[in-house]
Structures are given as C-alpha cells and as structure tokens.
PDB file of all heavy atoms in Angstrom:
ATOM      1  N   GLY A   1      -6.931   1.194   0.105  1.00  0.00           N
ATOM      2  CA  GLY A   1      -7.106   2.621  -0.185  1.00  0.00           C
ATOM      3  C   GLY A   1      -5.829   3.426  -0.067  1.00  0.00           C
ATOM      4  O   GLY A   1      -5.850   4.573   0.403  1.00  0.00           O
ATOM      5  N   LEU A   2      -4.724   2.860  -0.511  1.00  0.00           N
ATOM      6  CA  LEU A   2      -3.441   3.553  -0.416  1.00  0.00           C
ATOM      7  C   LEU A   2      -3.455   4.854  -1.214  1.00  0.00           C
ATOM      8  O   LEU A   2      -4.004   4.926  -2.310  1.00  0.00           O
ATOM      9  CB  LEU A   2      -2.323   2.644  -0.925  1.00  0.00           C
ATOM     10  CG  LEU A   2      -2.064   1.391  -0.073  1.00  0.00           C
ATOM     11  CD1 LEU A   2      -1.182   0.412  -0.821  1.00  0.00           C
ATOM     12  CD2 LEU A   2      -1.445   1.774   1.257  1.00  0.00           C
ATOM     13  N   GLY A   3      -2.823   5.884  -0.665  1.00  0.00           N
ATOM     14  CA  GLY A   3      -2.888   7.210  -1.247  1.00  0.00           C
ATOM     15  C   GLY A   3      -1.914   7.438  -2.384  1.00  0.00           C
ATOM     16  O   GLY A   3      -0.885   6.766  -2.506  1.00  0.00           O
ATOM     17  N   VAL A   4      -2.248   8.404  -3.225  1.00  0.00           N
ATOM     18  CA  VAL A   4      -1.405   8.859  -4.335  1.00  0.00           C
ATOM     19  C   VAL A   4      -1.186  10.362  -4.186  1.00  0.00           C
ATOM     20  O   VAL A   4      -2.153  11.109  -4.015  1.00  0.00           O
ATOM     21  CB  VAL A   4      -2.073   8.558  -5.696  1.00  0.00           C
ATOM     22  CG1 VAL A   4      -1.324   9.238  -6.831  1.00  0.00           C
ATOM     23  CG2 VAL A   4      -2.156   7.060  -5.930  1.00  0.00           C
ATOM     24  N   PRO A   5       0.065  10.843  -4.217  1.00  0.00           N
ATOM     25  CA  PRO A   5       0.325  12.290  -4.118  1.00  0.00           C
ATOM     26  C   PRO A   5       0.063  12.993  -5.449  1.00  0.00           C
ATOM     27  O   PRO A   5       0.909  12.994  -6.342  1.00  0.00           O
ATOM     28  CB  PRO A   5       1.803  12.351  -3.724  1.00  0.00           C
ATOM     29  CG  PRO A   5       2.400  11.097  -4.290  1.00  0.00           C
ATOM     30  CD  PRO A   5       1.315  10.058  -4.257  1.00  0.00           C
ATOM     31  N   TYR A   6      -1.085  13.618  -5.567  1.00  0.00           N
ATOM     32  CA  TYR A   6      -1.470  14.266  -6.815  1.00  0.00           C
ATOM     33  C   TYR A   6      -0.895  15.669  -6.969  1.00  0.00           C
ATOM     34  O   TYR A   6      -0.737  16.155  -8.087  1.00  0.00           O
ATOM     35  CB  TYR A   6      -2.997  14.375  -6.893  1.00  0.00           C
ATOM     36  CG  TYR A   6      -3.706  13.105  -7.280  1.00  0.00           C
ATOM     37  CD1 TYR A   6      -4.729  12.591  -6.487  1.00  0.00           C
ATOM     38  CD2 TYR A   6      -3.366  12.420  -8.442  1.00  0.00           C
ATOM     39  CE1 TYR A   6      -5.401  11.435  -6.852  1.00  0.00           C
ATOM     40  CE2 TYR A   6      -4.022  11.255  -8.813  1.00  0.00           C
ATOM     41  CZ  TYR A   6      -5.047  10.770  -8.007  1.00  0.00           C
ATOM     42  OH  TYR A   6      -5.700   9.620  -8.375  1.00  0.00           O
ATOM     43  N   PHE A   7      -0.593  16.346  -5.853  1.00  0.00           N
ATOM     44  CA  PHE A   7      -0.319  17.773  -5.910  1.00  0.00           C
ATOM     45  C   PHE A   7       1.112  18.091  -5.498  1.00  0.00           C
ATOM     46  O   PHE A   7       1.743  17.357  -4.735  1.00  0.00           O
ATOM     47  CB  PHE A   7      -1.320  18.527  -5.030  1.00  0.00           C
ATOM     48  CG  PHE A   7      -2.747  18.162  -5.345  1.00  0.00           C
ATOM     49  CD1 PHE A   7      -3.501  17.412  -4.458  1.00  0.00           C
ATOM     50  CD2 PHE A   7      -3.318  18.548  -6.544  1.00  0.00           C
ATOM     51  CE1 PHE A   7      -4.813  17.056  -4.759  1.00  0.00           C
ATOM     52  CE2 PHE A   7      -4.616  18.206  -6.864  1.00  0.00           C
ATOM     53  CZ  PHE A   7      -5.371  17.459  -5.962  1.00  0.00           C
ATOM     54  N   GLU A   8       1.594  19.223  -5.995  1.00  0.00           N
ATOM     55  CA  GLU A   8       2.987  19.591  -5.789  1.00  0.00           C
ATOM     56  C   GLU A   8       3.300  19.913  -4.325  1.00  0.00           C
ATOM     57  O   GLU A   8       4.466  19.904  -3.940  1.00  0.00           O
ATOM     58  CB  GLU A   8       3.350  20.766  -6.697  1.00  0.00           C
ATOM     59  CG  GLU A   8       3.354  20.395  -8.177  1.00  0.00           C
ATOM     60  CD  GLU A   8       3.921  21.486  -9.054  1.00  0.00           C
ATOM     61  OE1 GLU A   8       3.998  22.642  -8.577  1.00  0.00           O
ATOM     62  OE2 GLU A   8       4.297  21.195 -10.211  1.00  0.00           O
ATOM     63  N   ASP A   9       2.278  20.213  -3.517  1.00  0.00           N
ATOM     64  CA  ASP A   9       2.530  20.522  -2.106  1.00  0.00           C
ATOM     65  C   ASP A   9       2.554  19.273  -1.233  1.00  0.00           C
ATOM     66  O   ASP A   9       2.692  19.359  -0.014  1.00  0.00           O
ATOM     67  CB  ASP A   9       1.489  21.512  -1.577  1.00  0.00           C
ATOM     68  CG  ASP A   9       0.059  20.967  -1.642  1.00  0.00           C
ATOM     69  OD1 ASP A   9      -0.133  19.847  -2.165  1.00  0.00           O
ATOM     70  OD2 ASP A   9      -0.862  21.672  -1.176  1.00  0.00           O
ATOM     71  N   GLU A  10       2.433  18.084  -1.848  1.00  0.00           N
ATOM     72  CA  GLU A  10       2.443  16.834  -1.095  1.00  0.00           C
ATOM     73  C   GLU A  10       3.823  16.178  -1.149  1.00  0.00           C
ATOM     74  O   GLU A  10       4.555  16.324  -2.130  1.00  0.00           O
ATOM     75  CB  GLU A  10       1.410  15.859  -1.665  1.00  0.00           C
ATOM     76  CG  GLU A  10      -0.024  16.295  -1.491  1.00  0.00           C
ATOM     77  CD  GLU A  10      -0.997  15.286  -2.078  1.00  0.00           C
ATOM     78  OE1 GLU A  10      -1.097  15.202  -3.313  1.00  0.00           O
ATOM     79  OE2 GLU A  10      -1.649  14.579  -1.294  1.00  0.00           O
ATOM     80  N   GLU A  11       4.124  15.458  -0.103  1.00  0.00           N
ATOM     81  CA  GLU A  11       5.377  14.692  -0.074  1.00  0.00           C
ATOM     82  C   GLU A  11       5.319  13.590  -1.121  1.00  0.00           C
ATOM     83  O   GLU A  11       4.314  12.902  -1.269  1.00  0.00           O
ATOM     84  CB  GLU A  11       5.584  14.098   1.321  1.00  0.00           C
ATOM     85  CG  GLU A  11       6.897  13.353   1.477  1.00  0.00           C
ATOM     86  CD  GLU A  11       7.071  12.797   2.887  1.00  0.00           C
ATOM     87  OE1 GLU A  11       6.262  13.146   3.773  1.00  0.00           O
ATOM     88  OE2 GLU A  11       8.022  12.011   3.100  1.00  0.00           O
ATOM     89  N   GLU A  12       6.413  13.419  -1.833  1.00  0.00           N
ATOM     90  CA  GLU A  12       6.457  12.406  -2.880  1.00  0.00           C
ATOM     91  C   GLU A  12       6.407  10.990  -2.304  1.00  0.00           C
ATOM     92  O   GLU A  12       6.884  10.730  -1.204  1.00  0.00           O
ATOM     93  CB  GLU A  12       7.715  12.573  -3.732  1.00  0.00           C
ATOM     94  CG  GLU A  12       7.555  13.587  -4.857  1.00  0.00           C
ATOM     95  CD  GLU A  12       6.473  13.194  -5.830  1.00  0.00           C
ATOM     96  OE1 GLU A  12       6.642  12.233  -6.596  1.00  0.00           O
ATOM     97  OE2 GLU A  12       5.416  13.852  -5.819  1.00  0.00           O
ATOM     98  N   GLU A  13       5.852  10.100  -3.084  1.00  0.00           N
ATOM     99  CA  GLU A  13       5.724   8.704  -2.675  1.00  0.00           C
ATOM    100  C   GLU A  13       7.077   8.000  -2.694  1.00  0.00           C
ATOM    101  O   GLU A  13       7.875   8.184  -3.604  1.00  0.00           O
ATOM    102  CB  GLU A  13       4.769   7.987  -3.638  1.00  0.00           C
ATOM    103  CG  GLU A  13       4.649   6.490  -3.392  1.00  0.00           C
ATOM    104  CD  GLU A  13       3.942   5.783  -4.530  1.00  0.00           C
ATOM    105  OE1 GLU A  13       4.549   5.649  -5.623  1.00  0.00           O
ATOM    106  OE2 GLU A  13       2.797   5.370  -4.342  1.00  0.00           O
ATOM    107  N   GLN A  14       7.330   7.207  -1.662  1.00  0.00           N
ATOM    108  CA  GLN A  14       8.473   6.289  -1.630  1.00  0.00           C
ATOM    109  C   GLN A  14       7.902   4.877  -1.753  1.00  0.00           C
ATOM    110  O   GLN A  14       7.530   4.249  -0.762  1.00  0.00           O
ATOM    111  CB  GLN A  14       9.263   6.466  -0.332  1.00  0.00           C
ATOM    112  CG  GLN A  14       9.796   7.869  -0.112  1.00  0.00           C
ATOM    113  CD  GLN A  14      10.757   8.309  -1.191  1.00  0.00           C
ATOM    114  OE1 GLN A  14      11.566   7.504  -1.681  1.00  0.00           O
ATOM    115  NE2 GLN A  14      10.689   9.573  -1.577  1.00  0.00           N
ATOM    116  N   LEU A  15       7.784   4.403  -2.983  1.00  0.00           N
ATOM    117  CA  LEU A  15       7.049   3.172  -3.245  1.00  0.00           C
ATOM    118  C   LEU A  15       7.605   1.995  -2.459  1.00  0.00           C
ATOM    119  O   LEU A  15       6.837   1.190  -1.910  1.00  0.00           O
ATOM    120  CB  LEU A  15       7.060   2.867  -4.747  1.00  0.00           C
ATOM    121  CG  LEU A  15       6.282   1.624  -5.185  1.00  0.00           C
ATOM    122  CD1 LEU A  15       4.822   1.717  -4.779  1.00  0.00           C
ATOM    123  CD2 LEU A  15       6.414   1.414  -6.692  1.00  0.00           C
ATOM    124  N   ASP A  16       8.917   1.859  -2.404  1.00  0.00           N
ATOM    125  CA  ASP A  16       9.509   0.735  -1.682  1.00  0.00           C
ATOM    126  C   ASP A  16       9.093   0.739  -0.217  1.00  0.00           C
ATOM    127  O   ASP A  16       8.790  -0.320   0.357  1.00  0.00           O
ATOM    128  CB  ASP A  16      11.038   0.779  -1.793  1.00  0.00           C
ATOM    129  CG  ASP A  16      11.531   0.464  -3.200  1.00  0.00           C
ATOM    130  OD1 ASP A  16      10.726  -0.058  -3.999  1.00  0.00           O
ATOM    131  OD2 ASP A  16      12.699   0.755  -3.504  1.00  0.00           O
ATOM    132  N   GLN A  17       9.086   1.922   0.405  1.00  0.00           N
ATOM    133  CA  GLN A  17       8.698   2.013   1.804  1.00  0.00           C
ATOM    134  C   GLN A  17       7.221   1.688   1.999  1.00  0.00           C
ATOM    135  O   GLN A  17       6.847   1.011   2.966  1.00  0.00           O
ATOM    136  CB  GLN A  17       9.006   3.409   2.337  1.00  0.00           C
ATOM    137  CG  GLN A  17      10.498   3.752   2.373  1.00  0.00           C
ATOM    138  CD  GLN A  17      10.757   5.153   2.891  1.00  0.00           C
ATOM    139  OE1 GLN A  17       9.885   5.788   3.486  1.00  0.00           O
ATOM    140  NE2 GLN A  17      11.962   5.664   2.642  1.00  0.00           N
ATOM    141  N   VAL A  18       6.387   2.181   1.111  1.00  0.00           N
ATOM    142  CA  VAL A  18       4.953   1.897   1.198  1.00  0.00           C
ATOM    143  C   VAL A  18       4.696   0.402   1.116  1.00  0.00           C
ATOM    144  O   VAL A  18       3.957  -0.179   1.938  1.00  0.00           O
ATOM    145  CB  VAL A  18       4.192   2.631   0.080  1.00  0.00           C
ATOM    146  CG1 VAL A  18       2.728   2.192   0.035  1.00  0.00           C
ATOM    147  CG2 VAL A  18       4.271   4.140   0.275  1.00  0.00           C
ATOM    148  N   LEU A  19       5.313  -0.241   0.142  1.00  0.00           N
ATOM    149  CA  LEU A  19       5.102  -1.681  -0.034  1.00  0.00           C
ATOM    150  C   LEU A  19       5.695  -2.481   1.109  1.00  0.00           C
ATOM    151  O   LEU A  19       5.112  -3.488   1.538  1.00  0.00           O
ATOM    152  CB  LEU A  19       5.707  -2.124  -1.370  1.00  0.00           C
ATOM    153  CG  LEU A  19       5.025  -1.579  -2.624  1.00  0.00           C
ATOM    154  CD1 LEU A  19       5.797  -1.959  -3.874  1.00  0.00           C
ATOM    155  CD2 LEU A  19       3.587  -2.073  -2.710  1.00  0.00           C
ATOM    156  N   ASP A  20       6.831  -2.040   1.630  1.00  0.00           N
ATOM    157  CA  ASP A  20       7.454  -2.741   2.748  1.00  0.00           C
ATOM    158  C   ASP A  20       6.558  -2.694   3.986  1.00  0.00           C
ATOM    159  O   ASP A  20       6.381  -3.714   4.668  1.00  0.00           O
ATOM    160  CB  ASP A  20       8.822  -2.130   3.060  1.00  0.00           C
ATOM    161  CG  ASP A  20       9.542  -2.874   4.176  1.00  0.00           C
ATOM    162  OD1 ASP A  20       9.855  -4.064   3.980  1.00  0.00           O
ATOM    163  OD2 ASP A  20       9.787  -2.263   5.237  1.00  0.00           O
ATOM    164  N   THR A  21       5.965  -1.538   4.265  1.00  0.00           N
ATOM    165  CA  THR A  21       5.087  -1.423   5.422  1.00  0.00           C
ATOM    166  C   THR A  21       3.828  -2.262   5.241  1.00  0.00           C
ATOM    167  O   THR A  21       3.397  -2.973   6.166  1.00  0.00           O
ATOM    168  CB  THR A  21       4.698   0.053   5.652  1.00  0.00           C
ATOM    169  OG1 THR A  21       5.880   0.832   5.799  1.00  0.00           O
ATOM    170  CG2 THR A  21       3.842   0.197   6.900  1.00  0.00           C
ATOM    171  N   LEU A  22       3.224  -2.196   4.058  1.00  0.00           N
ATOM    172  CA  LEU A  22       2.040  -3.013   3.800  1.00  0.00           C
ATOM    173  C   LEU A  22       2.371  -4.489   3.914  1.00  0.00           C
ATOM    174  O   LEU A  22       1.604  -5.279   4.504  1.00  0.00           O
ATOM    175  CB  LEU A  22       1.498  -2.707   2.400  1.00  0.00           C
ATOM    176  CG  LEU A  22       0.285  -3.525   1.956  1.00  0.00           C
ATOM    177  CD1 LEU A  22      -0.906  -3.290   2.871  1.00  0.00           C
ATOM    178  CD2 LEU A  22      -0.079  -3.196   0.504  1.00  0.00           C
ATOM    179  N   ASN A  23       3.512  -4.877   3.395  1.00  0.00           N
ATOM    180  CA  ASN A  23       3.924  -6.281   3.448  1.00  0.00           C
ATOM    181  C   ASN A  23       4.113  -6.751   4.887  1.00  0.00           C
ATOM    182  O   ASN A  23       3.712  -7.868   5.255  1.00  0.00           O
ATOM    183  CB  ASN A  23       5.218  -6.458   2.651  1.00  0.00           C
ATOM    184  CG  ASN A  23       5.609  -7.907   2.481  1.00  0.00           C
ATOM    185  OD1 ASN A  23       4.790  -8.735   2.066  1.00  0.00           O
ATOM    186  ND2 ASN A  23       6.842  -8.237   2.818  1.00  0.00           N
ATOM    187  N   GLN A  24       4.698  -5.913   5.721  1.00  0.00           N
ATOM    188  CA  GLN A  24       4.871  -6.270   7.123  1.00  0.00           C
ATOM    189  C   GLN A  24       3.533  -6.481   7.815  1.00  0.00           C
ATOM    190  O   GLN A  24       3.358  -7.443   8.575  1.00  0.00           O
ATOM    191  CB  GLN A  24       5.662  -5.181   7.848  1.00  0.00           C
ATOM    192  CG  GLN A  24       7.130  -5.092   7.463  1.00  0.00           C
ATOM    193  CD  GLN A  24       7.851  -4.019   8.248  1.00  0.00           C
ATOM    194  OE1 GLN A  24       7.623  -3.837   9.442  1.00  0.00           O
ATOM    195  NE2 GLN A  24       8.726  -3.283   7.585  1.00  0.00           N
ATOM    196  N   LEU A  25       2.582  -5.599   7.546  1.00  0.00           N
ATOM    197  CA  LEU A  25       1.261  -5.733   8.167  1.00  0.00           C
ATOM    198  C   LEU A  25       0.568  -7.016   7.724  1.00  0.00           C
ATOM    199  O   LEU A  25      -0.075  -7.705   8.530  1.00  0.00           O
ATOM    200  CB  LEU A  25       0.398  -4.526   7.820  1.00  0.00           C
ATOM    201  CG  LEU A  25       0.844  -3.173   8.393  1.00  0.00           C
ATOM    202  CD1 LEU A  25      -0.084  -2.061   7.918  1.00  0.00           C
ATOM    203  CD2 LEU A  25       0.877  -3.222   9.912  1.00  0.00           C
ATOM    204  N   LEU A  26       0.704  -7.346   6.457  1.00  0.00           N
ATOM    205  CA  LEU A  26       0.072  -8.570   5.951  1.00  0.00           C
ATOM    206  C   LEU A  26       0.713  -9.815   6.549  1.00  0.00           C
ATOM    207  O   LEU A  26       0.024 -10.790   6.886  1.00  0.00           O
ATOM    208  CB  LEU A  26       0.165  -8.610   4.426  1.00  0.00           C
ATOM    209  CG  LEU A  26      -0.677  -7.572   3.676  1.00  0.00           C
ATOM    210  CD1 LEU A  26      -0.317  -7.556   2.198  1.00  0.00           C
ATOM    211  CD2 LEU A  26      -2.164  -7.855   3.848  1.00  0.00           C
ATOM    212  N   ASN A  27       2.035  -9.772   6.686  1.00  0.00           N
ATOM    213  CA  ASN A  27       2.730 -10.939   7.244  1.00  0.00           C
ATOM    214  C   ASN A  27       2.505 -11.108   8.741  1.00  0.00           C
ATOM    215  O   ASN A  27       2.751 -12.188   9.291  1.00  0.00           O
ATOM    216  CB  ASN A  27       4.224 -10.842   6.945  1.00  0.00           C
ATOM    217  CG  ASN A  27       4.564 -11.305   5.537  1.00  0.00           C
ATOM    218  OD1 ASN A  27       4.230 -12.410   5.140  1.00  0.00           O
ATOM    219  ND2 ASN A  27       5.205 -10.440   4.767  1.00  0.00           N
ATOM    220  N   GLN A  28       2.043 -10.055   9.406  1.00  0.00           N
ATOM    221  CA  GLN A  28       1.737 -10.155  10.829  1.00  0.00           C
ATOM    222  C   GLN A  28       0.387 -10.813  11.095  1.00  0.00           C
ATOM    223  O   GLN A  28       0.099 -11.214  12.226  1.00  0.00           O
ATOM    224  CB  GLN A  28       1.752  -8.765  11.456  1.00  0.00           C
ATOM    225  CG  GLN A  28       3.144  -8.146  11.572  1.00  0.00           C
ATOM    226  CD  GLN A  28       3.101  -6.691  12.002  1.00  0.00           C
ATOM    227  OE1 GLN A  28       2.054  -6.167  12.373  1.00  0.00           O
ATOM    228  NE2 GLN A  28       4.247  -6.019  11.934  1.00  0.00           N
ATOM    229  N   LEU A  29      -0.430 -10.927  10.058  1.00  0.00           N
ATOM    230  CA  LEU A  29      -1.754 -11.508  10.234  1.00  0.00           C
ATOM    231  C   LEU A  29      -1.667 -12.982  10.612  1.00  0.00           C
ATOM    232  O   LEU A  29      -0.883 -13.746  10.039  1.00  0.00           O
ATOM    233  CB  LEU A  29      -2.567 -11.376   8.941  1.00  0.00           C
ATOM    234  CG  LEU A  29      -3.019  -9.977   8.519  1.00  0.00           C
ATOM    235  CD1 LEU A  29      -3.705 -10.043   7.160  1.00  0.00           C
ATOM    236  CD2 LEU A  29      -3.950  -9.374   9.551  1.00  0.00           C
ATOM    237  N   LYS A  30      -2.487 -13.369  11.566  1.00  0.00           N
ATOM    238  CA  LYS A  30      -2.613 -14.787  11.905  1.00  0.00           C
ATOM    239  C   LYS A  30      -3.615 -15.471  10.990  1.00  0.00           C
ATOM    240  O   LYS A  30      -3.663 -16.700  10.925  1.00  0.00           O
ATOM    241  CB  LYS A  30      -3.050 -14.920  13.360  1.00  0.00           C
ATOM    242  CG  LYS A  30      -2.022 -14.378  14.362  1.00  0.00           C
ATOM    243  CD  LYS A  30      -2.535 -14.486  15.783  1.00  0.00           C
ATOM    244  CE  LYS A  30      -1.536 -13.887  16.766  1.00  0.00           C
ATOM    245  NZ  LYS A  30      -2.023 -13.922  18.178  1.00  0.00           N
ATOM    246  N   PHE A  31      -4.404 -14.682  10.310  1.00  0.00           N
ATOM    247  CA  PHE A  31      -5.357 -15.212   9.339  1.00  0.00           C
ATOM    248  C   PHE A  31      -4.609 -15.994   8.270  1.00  0.00           C
ATOM    249  O   PHE A  31      -3.678 -15.490   7.643  1.00  0.00           O
ATOM    250  CB  PHE A  31      -6.137 -14.056   8.713  1.00  0.00           C
ATOM    251  CG  PHE A  31      -7.068 -14.452   7.603  1.00  0.00           C
ATOM    252  CD1 PHE A  31      -8.244 -15.117   7.879  1.00  0.00           C
ATOM    253  CD2 PHE A  31      -6.759 -14.168   6.274  1.00  0.00           C
ATOM    254  CE1 PHE A  31      -9.113 -15.473   6.855  1.00  0.00           C
ATOM    255  CE2 PHE A  31      -7.615 -14.521   5.246  1.00  0.00           C
ATOM    256  CZ  PHE A  31      -8.795 -15.182   5.540  1.00  0.00           C
ATOM    257  N   SER A  32      -5.020 -17.226   8.035  1.00  0.00           N
ATOM    258  CA  SER A  32      -4.274 -18.110   7.137  1.00  0.00           C
ATOM    259  C   SER A  32      -4.921 -18.276   5.774  1.00  0.00           C
ATOM    260  O   SER A  32      -4.397 -18.991   4.914  1.00  0.00           O
ATOM    261  CB  SER A  32      -4.111 -19.490   7.781  1.00  0.00           C
ATOM    262  OG  SER A  32      -5.393 -20.071   8.045  1.00  0.00           O
ATOM    263  N   GLY A  33      -6.064 -17.612   5.561  1.00  0.00           N
ATOM    264  CA  GLY A  33      -6.758 -17.764   4.292  1.00  0.00           C
ATOM    265  C   GLY A  33      -6.187 -16.881   3.198  1.00  0.00           C
ATOM    266  O   GLY A  33      -5.139 -16.239   3.342  1.00  0.00           O
ATOM    267  N   GLN A  34      -6.905 -16.826   2.116  1.00  0.00           N
ATOM    268  CA  GLN A  34      -6.509 -16.039   0.962  1.00  0.00           C
ATOM    269  C   GLN A  34      -6.861 -14.566   1.198  1.00  0.00           C
ATOM    270  O   GLN A  34      -7.963 -14.238   1.642  1.00  0.00           O
ATOM    271  CB  GLN A  34      -7.235 -16.551  -0.281  1.00  0.00           C
ATOM    272  CG  GLN A  34      -6.913 -15.818  -1.560  1.00  0.00           C
ATOM    273  CD  GLN A  34      -7.697 -16.379  -2.736  1.00  0.00           C
ATOM    274  OE1 GLN A  34      -8.396 -17.381  -2.633  1.00  0.00           O
ATOM    275  NE2 GLN A  34      -7.589 -15.720  -3.884  1.00  0.00           N
ATOM    276  N   VAL A  35      -5.915 -13.672   0.914  1.00  0.00           N
ATOM    277  CA  VAL A  35      -6.150 -12.235   0.992  1.00  0.00           C
ATOM    278  C   VAL A  35      -6.122 -11.669  -0.424  1.00  0.00           C
ATOM    279  O   VAL A  35      -5.156 -11.864  -1.161  1.00  0.00           O
ATOM    280  CB  VAL A  35      -5.105 -11.519   1.863  1.00  0.00           C
ATOM    281  CG1 VAL A  35      -5.298 -10.005   1.790  1.00  0.00           C
ATOM    282  CG2 VAL A  35      -5.191 -11.993   3.309  1.00  0.00           C
ATOM    283  N   ILE A  36      -7.206 -10.971  -0.785  1.00  0.00           N
ATOM    284  CA  ILE A  36      -7.282 -10.314  -2.089  1.00  0.00           C
ATOM    285  C   ILE A  36      -7.252  -8.812  -1.846  1.00  0.00           C
ATOM    286  O   ILE A  36      -8.135  -8.270  -1.173  1.00  0.00           O
ATOM    287  CB  ILE A  36      -8.558 -10.704  -2.849  1.00  0.00           C
ATOM    288  CG1 ILE A  36      -8.584 -12.215  -3.109  1.00  0.00           C
ATOM    289  CG2 ILE A  36      -8.647  -9.945  -4.170  1.00  0.00           C
ATOM    290  CD1 ILE A  36      -9.877 -12.696  -3.772  1.00  0.00           C
ATOM    291  N   LEU A  37      -6.237  -8.145  -2.366  1.00  0.00           N
ATOM    292  CA  LEU A  37      -6.092  -6.698  -2.194  1.00  0.00           C
ATOM    293  C   LEU A  37      -6.693  -5.984  -3.393  1.00  0.00           C
ATOM    294  O   LEU A  37      -6.223  -6.130  -4.529  1.00  0.00           O
ATOM    295  CB  LEU A  37      -4.617  -6.332  -2.055  1.00  0.00           C
ATOM    296  CG  LEU A  37      -3.884  -6.881  -0.821  1.00  0.00           C
ATOM    297  CD1 LEU A  37      -2.402  -6.530  -0.898  1.00  0.00           C
ATOM    298  CD2 LEU A  37      -4.487  -6.321   0.464  1.00  0.00           C
ATOM    299  N   GLU A  38      -7.743  -5.198  -3.155  1.00  0.00           N
ATOM    300  CA  GLU A  38      -8.352  -4.416  -4.215  1.00  0.00           C
ATOM    301  C   GLU A  38      -7.532  -3.141  -4.422  1.00  0.00           C
ATOM    302  O   GLU A  38      -7.309  -2.376  -3.488  1.00  0.00           O
ATOM    303  CB  GLU A  38      -9.787  -4.044  -3.844  1.00  0.00           C
ATOM    304  CG  GLU A  38     -10.716  -5.244  -3.711  1.00  0.00           C
ATOM    305  CD  GLU A  38     -12.109  -4.832  -3.260  1.00  0.00           C
ATOM    306  OE1 GLU A  38     -12.303  -3.645  -2.913  1.00  0.00           O
ATOM    307  OE2 GLU A  38     -12.998  -5.695  -3.236  1.00  0.00           O
ATOM    308  N   MET A  39      -7.102  -2.918  -5.635  1.00  0.00           N
ATOM    309  CA  MET A  39      -6.298  -1.739  -5.956  1.00  0.00           C
ATOM    310  C   MET A  39      -6.786  -1.114  -7.251  1.00  0.00           C
ATOM    311  O   MET A  39      -6.985  -1.799  -8.247  1.00  0.00           O
ATOM    312  CB  MET A  39      -4.815  -2.101  -6.099  1.00  0.00           C
ATOM    313  CG  MET A  39      -4.150  -2.498  -4.811  1.00  0.00           C
ATOM    314  SD  MET A  39      -2.384  -2.786  -5.033  1.00  0.00           S
ATOM    315  CE  MET A  39      -1.889  -3.112  -3.327  1.00  0.00           C
ATOM    316  N   GLY A  40      -6.963   0.195  -7.217  1.00  0.00           N
ATOM    317  CA  GLY A  40      -7.329   0.935  -8.417  1.00  0.00           C
ATOM    318  C   GLY A  40      -6.420   2.131  -8.580  1.00  0.00           C
ATOM    319  O   GLY A  40      -5.487   2.135  -9.372  1.00  0.00           O
ATOM    320  N   ARG A  41      -6.668   3.163  -7.767  1.00  0.00           N
ATOM    321  CA  ARG A  41      -5.881   4.394  -7.825  1.00  0.00           C
ATOM    322  C   ARG A  41      -4.389   4.123  -7.627  1.00  0.00           C
ATOM    323  O   ARG A  41      -3.550   4.619  -8.379  1.00  0.00           O
ATOM    324  CB  ARG A  41      -6.385   5.341  -6.735  1.00  0.00           C
ATOM    325  CG  ARG A  41      -5.837   6.757  -6.835  1.00  0.00           C
ATOM    326  CD  ARG A  41      -6.279   7.582  -5.628  1.00  0.00           C
ATOM    327  NE  ARG A  41      -7.703   7.523  -5.386  1.00  0.00           N
ATOM    328  CZ  ARG A  41      -8.608   8.263  -6.008  1.00  0.00           C
ATOM    329  NH1 ARG A  41      -8.224   9.123  -6.927  1.00  0.00           N
ATOM    330  NH2 ARG A  41      -9.891   8.151  -5.711  1.00  0.00           N
ATOM    331  N   PHE A  42      -4.061   3.339  -6.606  1.00  0.00           N
ATOM    332  CA  PHE A  42      -2.661   3.085  -6.262  1.00  0.00           C
ATOM    333  C   PHE A  42      -1.917   2.392  -7.397  1.00  0.00           C
ATOM    334  O   PHE A  42      -0.730   2.629  -7.630  1.00  0.00           O
ATOM    335  CB  PHE A  42      -2.595   2.246  -4.985  1.00  0.00           C
ATOM    336  CG  PHE A  42      -1.204   1.965  -4.499  1.00  0.00           C
ATOM    337  CD1 PHE A  42      -0.428   2.970  -3.945  1.00  0.00           C
ATOM    338  CD2 PHE A  42      -0.660   0.691  -4.588  1.00  0.00           C
ATOM    339  CE1 PHE A  42       0.860   2.712  -3.489  1.00  0.00           C
ATOM    340  CE2 PHE A  42       0.623   0.425  -4.136  1.00  0.00           C
ATOM    341  CZ  PHE A  42       1.381   1.442  -3.591  1.00  0.00           C
ATOM    342  N   LEU A  43      -2.623   1.555  -8.133  1.00  0.00           N
ATOM    343  CA  LEU A  43      -1.990   0.801  -9.216  1.00  0.00           C
ATOM    344  C   LEU A  43      -1.843   1.624 -10.491  1.00  0.00           C
ATOM    345  O   LEU A  43      -0.806   1.568 -11.155  1.00  0.00           O
ATOM    346  CB  LEU A  43      -2.800  -0.468  -9.502  1.00  0.00           C
ATOM    347  CG  LEU A  43      -2.360  -1.332 -10.689  1.00  0.00           C
ATOM    348  CD1 LEU A  43      -0.914  -1.795 -10.529  1.00  0.00           C
ATOM    349  CD2 LEU A  43      -3.291  -2.533 -10.851  1.00  0.00           C
ATOM    350  N   THR A  44      -2.843   2.417 -10.837  1.00  0.00           N
ATOM    351  CA  THR A  44      -2.875   2.984 -12.187  1.00  0.00           C
ATOM    352  C   THR A  44      -2.692   4.500 -12.289  1.00  0.00           C
ATOM    353  O   THR A  44      -2.500   5.008 -13.399  1.00  0.00           O
ATOM    354  CB  THR A  44      -4.202   2.622 -12.881  1.00  0.00           C
ATOM    355  OG1 THR A  44      -5.291   3.236 -12.172  1.00  0.00           O
ATOM    356  CG2 THR A  44      -4.400   1.121 -12.910  1.00  0.00           C
TER     357      THR A  44
END
C-alpha cells in the first residue's frame, strides 16, 4: 500500500529512497519463501 503524492501540498516522492527502504525491509526477513508484492496505485 505504498503512497502516491497526488496533491501540491504533499512532499514529492523520492522513488530511489522508497525502493531502498522497502528493499531493506524485505531483505531483513528470515522468511525464505516466495514473496509476491501486490502493487496497483504505486505502479501506475
């Protein structure tokens, strides 16, 4: 459910930082199975 800044009063997205933080959280998981990330708003 990653957010998208729709309005001019919101801070602009720093995509690299967002992905880096998400990537760190995923790599910290001890879970060894397959992770499927559902994305709609964030992607399109």
